[in-house]
Protein backbone atom coordinates (compact mmCIF):
# COMPACT_ATOMS: atom_id res chain seq x y z
CA MET A 1 2.70 -59.25 38.23
CA SER A 2 1.06 -55.82 38.25
CA ILE A 3 2.73 -52.64 37.17
CA ALA A 4 2.54 -51.42 40.75
CA GLU A 5 4.37 -54.50 41.99
CA PHE A 6 6.98 -54.16 39.21
CA THR A 7 7.75 -50.47 40.00
CA PRO A 8 9.78 -49.86 43.17
CA ALA A 9 8.15 -47.45 45.61
CA PRO A 10 11.07 -44.97 45.73
CA ALA A 11 10.94 -44.56 41.96
CA ARG A 12 7.22 -43.81 42.12
CA LEU A 13 7.89 -41.26 44.86
CA ASP A 14 10.76 -39.64 42.96
CA ARG A 15 8.66 -39.37 39.81
CA ARG A 16 5.80 -37.80 41.78
CA ARG A 17 8.17 -35.28 43.37
CA LEU A 18 9.67 -34.50 39.98
CA ILE A 19 6.24 -33.82 38.45
CA LEU A 20 5.19 -31.65 41.37
CA GLY A 21 8.49 -29.78 41.21
CA LEU A 22 8.17 -29.09 37.51
CA SER A 23 4.57 -27.96 38.00
CA GLY A 24 5.67 -25.56 40.68
CA MET A 25 8.36 -24.14 38.43
CA ALA A 26 5.84 -23.62 35.64
CA VAL A 27 3.40 -21.86 37.95
CA ALA A 28 6.16 -19.65 39.30
CA ALA A 29 7.38 -18.80 35.81
CA ALA A 30 3.92 -18.03 34.40
CA PRO A 31 3.57 -14.52 35.91
CA GLN A 32 7.08 -13.66 34.72
CA ALA A 33 6.29 -14.87 31.19
CA ALA A 34 3.02 -12.97 31.15
CA SER A 35 4.81 -9.87 32.40
CA ALA A 36 7.50 -10.22 29.74
CA LYS A 37 4.88 -10.70 27.04
CA SER A 38 2.96 -7.66 28.25
CA GLN A 39 6.14 -5.60 28.31
CA ALA A 40 7.09 -6.74 24.80
CA GLY A 41 3.65 -5.83 23.54
CA ALA A 42 3.84 -2.40 25.14
CA GLN A 43 7.20 -1.85 23.47
CA GLY A 44 5.98 -2.93 20.05
CA GLY A 45 7.25 -6.49 20.31
CA GLY A 46 3.76 -7.87 19.78
CA TYR A 47 1.93 -8.12 16.49
CA PRO A 48 1.08 -4.57 15.35
CA VAL A 49 -2.55 -3.50 15.59
CA VAL A 50 -4.08 -1.85 12.51
CA HIS A 51 -6.78 0.73 13.19
CA HIS A 52 -9.55 1.47 10.69
CA ARG A 53 -10.60 5.09 11.04
CA THR A 54 -12.78 7.69 9.36
CA THR A 55 -12.48 11.46 9.50
CA THR A 56 -13.99 14.37 7.60
CA VAL A 57 -11.76 16.47 5.34
CA ASP A 58 -13.35 19.41 3.50
CA GLY A 59 -16.77 17.87 4.05
CA ILE A 60 -15.76 14.45 2.65
CA ARG A 61 -15.56 11.38 4.87
CA ILE A 62 -12.14 9.85 4.33
CA PHE A 63 -11.39 6.32 5.49
CA TYR A 64 -7.83 5.40 6.37
CA ARG A 65 -5.86 2.58 7.94
CA GLU A 66 -3.33 3.52 10.58
CA ALA A 67 -0.80 1.57 12.59
CA GLY A 68 2.44 2.00 14.49
CA PRO A 69 3.72 4.53 17.03
CA LYS A 70 2.57 8.05 16.24
CA ASP A 71 5.96 9.48 17.17
CA ALA A 72 7.77 7.16 14.74
CA PRO A 73 8.81 8.17 11.21
CA ALA A 74 5.70 8.30 9.03
CA VAL A 75 5.11 6.24 5.91
CA LEU A 76 2.21 7.20 3.64
CA LEU A 77 0.82 4.45 1.40
CA LEU A 78 -1.05 5.67 -1.70
CA HIS A 79 -3.13 3.09 -3.54
CA GLY A 80 -3.90 2.59 -7.21
CA PHE A 81 -6.84 1.75 -9.46
CA PRO A 82 -9.20 -0.06 -9.00
CA THR A 83 -8.34 -0.89 -5.42
CA SER A 84 -8.04 1.00 -2.11
CA SER A 85 -6.00 0.87 1.08
CA HIS A 86 -7.02 -2.79 1.05
CA MET A 87 -4.02 -3.41 -1.21
CA PHE A 88 -1.76 -2.54 1.75
CA ARG A 89 -3.51 -4.78 4.32
CA ASN A 90 -0.43 -7.01 4.62
CA LEU A 91 2.26 -4.34 4.22
CA ILE A 92 0.91 -2.13 7.01
CA PRO A 93 1.59 -4.57 9.89
CA ALA A 94 4.90 -5.51 8.26
CA LEU A 95 6.10 -1.91 8.75
CA ALA A 96 4.19 -0.79 11.83
CA ASP A 97 6.69 -2.04 14.40
CA ARG A 98 9.02 0.84 13.45
CA TYR A 99 6.90 3.32 11.51
CA HIS A 100 3.69 5.33 11.75
CA VAL A 101 1.87 3.93 8.73
CA ILE A 102 -1.09 5.73 7.12
CA ALA A 103 -3.07 4.42 4.14
CA PRO A 104 -6.11 6.44 3.00
CA ASP A 105 -8.85 5.63 0.51
CA TYR A 106 -9.58 8.32 -2.08
CA PRO A 107 -13.21 9.42 -2.57
CA GLY A 108 -15.04 6.87 -4.69
CA TYR A 109 -12.70 4.09 -3.52
CA GLY A 110 -12.76 1.67 -0.63
CA GLN A 111 -14.65 2.92 2.41
CA SER A 112 -14.36 6.66 1.77
CA ASP A 113 -17.35 8.71 0.65
CA MET A 114 -18.53 8.48 -2.94
CA PRO A 115 -20.12 11.91 -3.38
CA PRO A 116 -22.21 12.57 -6.51
CA ARG A 117 -20.27 13.80 -9.54
CA ALA A 118 -22.50 16.86 -9.65
CA SER A 119 -21.18 18.06 -6.29
CA PHE A 120 -17.60 16.74 -6.32
CA LYS A 121 -14.87 16.91 -8.94
CA TYR A 122 -13.13 13.56 -9.27
CA THR A 123 -9.67 14.78 -10.17
CA PHE A 124 -6.13 14.01 -9.10
CA ASP A 125 -5.79 17.60 -7.92
CA ARG A 126 -8.71 17.07 -5.56
CA PHE A 127 -7.36 13.75 -4.32
CA GLY A 128 -4.04 15.40 -3.54
CA GLU A 129 -5.77 18.19 -1.62
CA LEU A 130 -7.77 15.73 0.48
CA VAL A 131 -4.78 13.55 1.34
CA ASP A 132 -2.86 16.71 2.24
CA GLY A 133 -5.76 17.76 4.46
CA LEU A 134 -5.82 14.36 6.14
CA LEU A 135 -2.11 14.59 6.95
CA ASP A 136 -2.63 18.07 8.38
CA GLN A 137 -5.38 16.73 10.62
CA LEU A 138 -3.10 13.95 11.82
CA GLY A 139 -0.25 16.39 12.44
CA VAL A 140 2.05 14.54 10.03
CA THR A 141 4.52 17.00 8.53
CA ARG A 142 7.27 14.62 7.40
CA TYR A 143 6.72 11.34 5.63
CA ALA A 144 8.03 8.79 3.17
CA MET A 145 5.62 7.84 0.39
CA TYR A 146 4.87 4.49 -1.23
CA VAL A 147 3.27 5.39 -4.56
CA MET A 148 1.63 2.89 -6.89
CA ASP A 149 -0.45 3.45 -10.05
CA TYR A 150 -2.89 6.32 -9.24
CA GLY A 151 -0.94 6.85 -6.03
CA ALA A 152 1.93 8.30 -8.06
CA PRO A 153 0.10 11.40 -9.40
CA VAL A 154 -1.44 11.94 -5.97
CA GLY A 155 1.98 11.67 -4.35
CA TRP A 156 3.66 13.91 -6.94
CA ARG A 157 1.19 16.67 -6.10
CA LEU A 158 2.12 16.40 -2.43
CA ALA A 159 5.83 16.45 -3.27
CA LEU A 160 5.49 19.52 -5.49
CA LYS A 161 3.47 21.36 -2.85
CA HIS A 162 5.58 20.32 0.14
CA PRO A 163 8.99 19.10 -1.06
CA GLU A 164 10.43 19.63 2.41
CA ARG A 165 7.98 17.13 3.89
CA VAL A 166 8.97 14.14 1.78
CA SER A 167 11.64 12.04 3.49
CA GLY A 168 11.80 9.38 0.79
CA LEU A 169 10.01 7.58 -2.03
CA ILE A 170 9.10 3.97 -2.68
CA VAL A 171 7.88 3.73 -6.26
CA GLN A 172 6.02 0.60 -7.33
CA ASN A 173 4.62 0.75 -10.86
CA GLY A 174 3.87 4.44 -10.56
CA ASN A 175 4.59 6.63 -13.56
CA ALA A 176 6.40 9.96 -13.93
CA TYR A 177 7.61 9.73 -17.55
CA ASP A 178 6.01 9.75 -20.99
CA GLU A 179 7.91 6.54 -21.80
CA GLY A 180 5.76 4.67 -19.28
CA LEU A 181 2.44 5.08 -21.10
CA LYS A 182 2.39 2.28 -23.68
CA LYS A 183 -0.24 0.17 -25.45
CA PHE A 184 -2.69 -0.08 -22.53
CA TRP A 185 -3.06 3.69 -22.65
CA ASP A 186 -3.89 4.00 -26.36
CA PRO A 187 -7.70 3.96 -25.96
CA ILE A 188 -7.42 6.30 -22.98
CA LYS A 189 -5.31 8.70 -25.04
CA GLN A 190 -7.98 8.53 -27.73
CA TYR A 191 -10.51 9.69 -25.14
CA TRP A 192 -8.18 12.52 -24.14
CA ALA A 193 -7.92 13.55 -27.78
CA ASP A 194 -11.59 13.65 -28.72
CA GLY A 195 -13.53 13.59 -25.43
CA SER A 196 -16.32 11.77 -27.25
CA ASP A 197 -19.06 9.62 -25.76
CA ALA A 198 -17.93 6.78 -28.01
CA SER A 199 -14.38 6.90 -26.63
CA ARG A 200 -15.73 7.11 -23.08
CA GLN A 201 -17.98 4.09 -23.59
CA ALA A 202 -15.09 2.12 -25.09
CA LEU A 203 -13.30 2.45 -21.74
CA MET A 204 -16.16 0.85 -19.80
CA LYS A 205 -14.48 -2.52 -20.38
CA LEU A 206 -11.79 -1.36 -17.94
CA VAL A 207 -14.23 -1.54 -15.02
CA THR A 208 -15.48 -5.08 -15.72
CA LEU A 209 -14.69 -8.13 -13.63
CA GLU A 210 -12.64 -9.57 -16.48
CA THR A 211 -10.29 -6.56 -16.48
CA THR A 212 -10.11 -6.35 -12.70
CA LYS A 213 -9.09 -10.00 -12.50
CA PHE A 214 -6.60 -9.43 -15.34
CA GLN A 215 -4.87 -6.71 -13.33
CA TYR A 216 -4.30 -9.14 -10.47
CA THR A 217 -3.24 -12.17 -12.50
CA ASP A 218 -1.46 -11.01 -15.66
CA GLY A 219 2.32 -11.25 -15.47
CA MET A 220 2.38 -12.84 -12.03
CA SER A 221 5.11 -15.37 -11.31
CA ASP A 222 2.73 -17.63 -9.37
CA VAL A 223 -1.01 -17.06 -9.77
CA SER A 224 -1.71 -19.45 -6.88
CA ARG A 225 -0.38 -16.74 -4.57
CA ILE A 226 -3.12 -14.31 -5.64
CA SER A 227 -6.30 -14.51 -3.60
CA PRO A 228 -9.52 -14.20 -5.63
CA ASP A 229 -10.78 -12.05 -2.76
CA ASN A 230 -8.82 -9.20 -4.32
CA TRP A 231 -10.78 -8.86 -7.54
CA VAL A 232 -14.08 -9.83 -5.91
CA HIS A 233 -13.59 -7.06 -3.33
CA ASP A 234 -12.56 -4.42 -5.86
CA GLN A 235 -15.29 -5.33 -8.33
CA ALA A 236 -18.00 -5.09 -5.69
CA LEU A 237 -17.00 -1.46 -5.14
CA LEU A 238 -16.68 -0.73 -8.86
CA ASP A 239 -20.20 -2.10 -9.36
CA ARG A 240 -21.80 0.45 -7.04
CA PRO A 241 -24.32 2.59 -8.93
CA GLY A 242 -22.53 5.58 -10.46
CA ASN A 243 -19.00 4.37 -9.76
CA SER A 244 -18.18 3.46 -13.35
CA GLU A 245 -18.83 7.06 -14.42
CA ILE A 246 -16.49 8.25 -11.67
CA GLN A 247 -13.79 5.98 -13.08
CA MET A 248 -14.35 7.41 -16.56
CA ASP A 249 -13.91 10.93 -15.17
CA LEU A 250 -10.60 9.88 -13.65
CA PHE A 251 -9.39 8.21 -16.84
CA TYR A 252 -10.05 11.52 -18.56
CA ASP A 253 -8.40 13.56 -15.82
CA TYR A 254 -5.26 11.40 -15.94
CA ARG A 255 -4.25 13.56 -18.92
CA THR A 256 -3.53 16.39 -16.43
CA ASN A 257 -0.66 14.37 -14.99
CA LEU A 258 1.46 14.47 -18.14
CA PRO A 259 2.08 18.25 -18.07
CA LEU A 260 3.31 17.81 -14.48
CA TYR A 261 6.03 15.33 -15.43
CA PRO A 262 8.71 17.97 -16.17
CA ALA A 263 8.08 19.60 -12.77
CA VAL A 264 8.16 16.21 -11.03
CA GLN A 265 11.43 15.32 -12.75
CA ALA A 266 12.87 18.70 -11.76
CA TYR A 267 11.80 17.96 -8.18
CA PHE A 268 13.75 14.69 -8.34
CA ARG A 269 16.89 16.46 -9.57
CA LYS A 270 16.69 19.37 -7.14
CA HIS A 271 15.62 17.66 -3.93
CA LYS A 272 17.15 14.22 -4.55
CA PRO A 273 14.72 12.30 -2.33
CA PRO A 274 16.05 8.88 -1.33
CA THR A 275 14.20 6.56 -3.68
CA LEU A 276 13.58 2.84 -3.91
CA ILE A 277 12.13 1.39 -7.11
CA VAL A 278 10.38 -1.98 -6.66
CA TRP A 279 8.67 -2.48 -10.00
CA GLY A 280 6.73 -5.44 -11.35
CA LYS A 281 8.51 -5.83 -14.68
CA ASN A 282 5.68 -7.81 -16.31
CA ASP A 283 3.04 -5.12 -15.77
CA PHE A 284 1.07 -4.40 -18.95
CA ILE A 285 -0.44 -1.20 -17.53
CA PHE A 286 2.75 0.45 -16.27
CA PRO A 287 5.56 -1.51 -17.96
CA ALA A 288 9.21 -1.34 -17.04
CA ASP A 289 9.68 1.26 -19.80
CA GLY A 290 8.45 3.73 -17.19
CA ALA A 291 10.81 2.51 -14.48
CA HIS A 292 14.18 3.02 -16.19
CA PRO A 293 13.85 6.80 -16.75
CA TYR A 294 13.92 7.42 -12.99
CA LYS A 295 17.64 6.66 -13.17
CA ARG A 296 18.17 9.76 -15.32
CA ASP A 297 16.93 12.14 -12.65
CA LEU A 298 17.79 10.10 -9.54
CA PRO A 299 21.28 8.64 -10.12
CA GLN A 300 21.36 7.22 -6.58
CA VAL A 301 18.05 5.39 -6.94
CA GLU A 302 17.92 1.84 -5.59
CA PHE A 303 16.48 -0.03 -8.54
CA HIS A 304 14.78 -3.43 -8.53
CA LEU A 305 12.78 -4.97 -11.37
CA ILE A 306 10.80 -7.85 -9.95
CA ASN A 307 9.40 -10.85 -11.80
CA THR A 308 5.75 -10.03 -11.27
CA GLY A 309 2.87 -7.94 -12.57
CA HIS A 310 0.80 -4.89 -11.62
CA PHE A 311 -0.17 -5.70 -8.03
CA ALA A 312 3.32 -6.81 -7.11
CA LEU A 313 2.70 -7.03 -3.35
CA GLU A 314 0.19 -9.83 -3.89
CA ASP A 315 2.79 -12.02 -5.59
CA LYS A 316 6.19 -10.91 -4.26
CA PHE A 317 5.43 -9.66 -0.75
CA ASP A 318 8.19 -11.86 0.69
CA GLU A 319 10.74 -10.38 -1.71
CA MET A 320 9.61 -6.76 -1.50
CA VAL A 321 9.17 -6.29 2.24
CA PRO A 322 12.85 -6.93 3.12
CA LEU A 323 13.87 -4.42 0.43
CA ILE A 324 11.42 -1.84 1.75
CA ARG A 325 12.36 -2.32 5.40
CA ASP A 326 16.08 -2.17 4.64
CA PHE A 327 15.61 1.01 2.59
CA LEU A 328 13.53 2.72 5.26
CA ALA A 329 15.95 1.72 8.02
CA ARG A 330 18.92 3.20 6.16
CA LYS A 331 17.33 6.26 4.59
CA ILE A 332 14.36 7.30 6.72
CA ALA A 333 14.60 6.09 10.31
């Protein structure tokens, strides 16, 4: 007996009608689904698009990543050494549904210009001026700041110049206290003290692949979460001819940040910016010794020590993003 003989004709007909009916329903629903998807995307329900832009500020080409509605509350992401806005590549789309997110590269980092040292002063003052100029170009006059490593002294300069513009702070392993400069900084302090060629050359080990990889892997809770692309990317930029000397200039200029600490701490006490601390507690470069003093000047600080190292976002993104989004939603938006 064949299958055709075994199956009654009405059942075959009913099945055929059912299939045709379901097909018709799917075809009818498709335009509605497409319309709903399009509408959701237009309203920010789709995956946020990150734009990679370049503009000229004071004659220097500055690269920056930008995402989110331009009329939304702004969040400025300030990167550390030896990386660039690349360190925020995952955080930007995680915030851009509700915020106008801006992440620049400083000169000598990432995709921004690397002008010769003879014609450009690589200082934290200059970095602050250029980021300020970028924000002016973009028409951003109110913003929260995420400051990490070198991003902290850049951000502090913005806060001291425009305290009324800062809507809040997210501090991730960014220093504002003498207590935060421990053993890692001893050879750098030696260079500050004597300014000698020998002390400068001793710091060249800090721009090697070994040290760059160390920054990404030391103190991490799970090294398998850290992509090797990070240190390969950063090292390729550090290895550009002349870049190591730029980094030495900035190690030397970091000494100018310490005299600003009292003014920064006074800013905290006077203006009381809403502040979230998300600090990798195993960081050798900026240890937790530098995190606790924030509580002296910002009693309402939201304080989280996280079981990770220097580049905390690479290891604890899933833990940090909910904290950041919750903080911004309550304090900024």
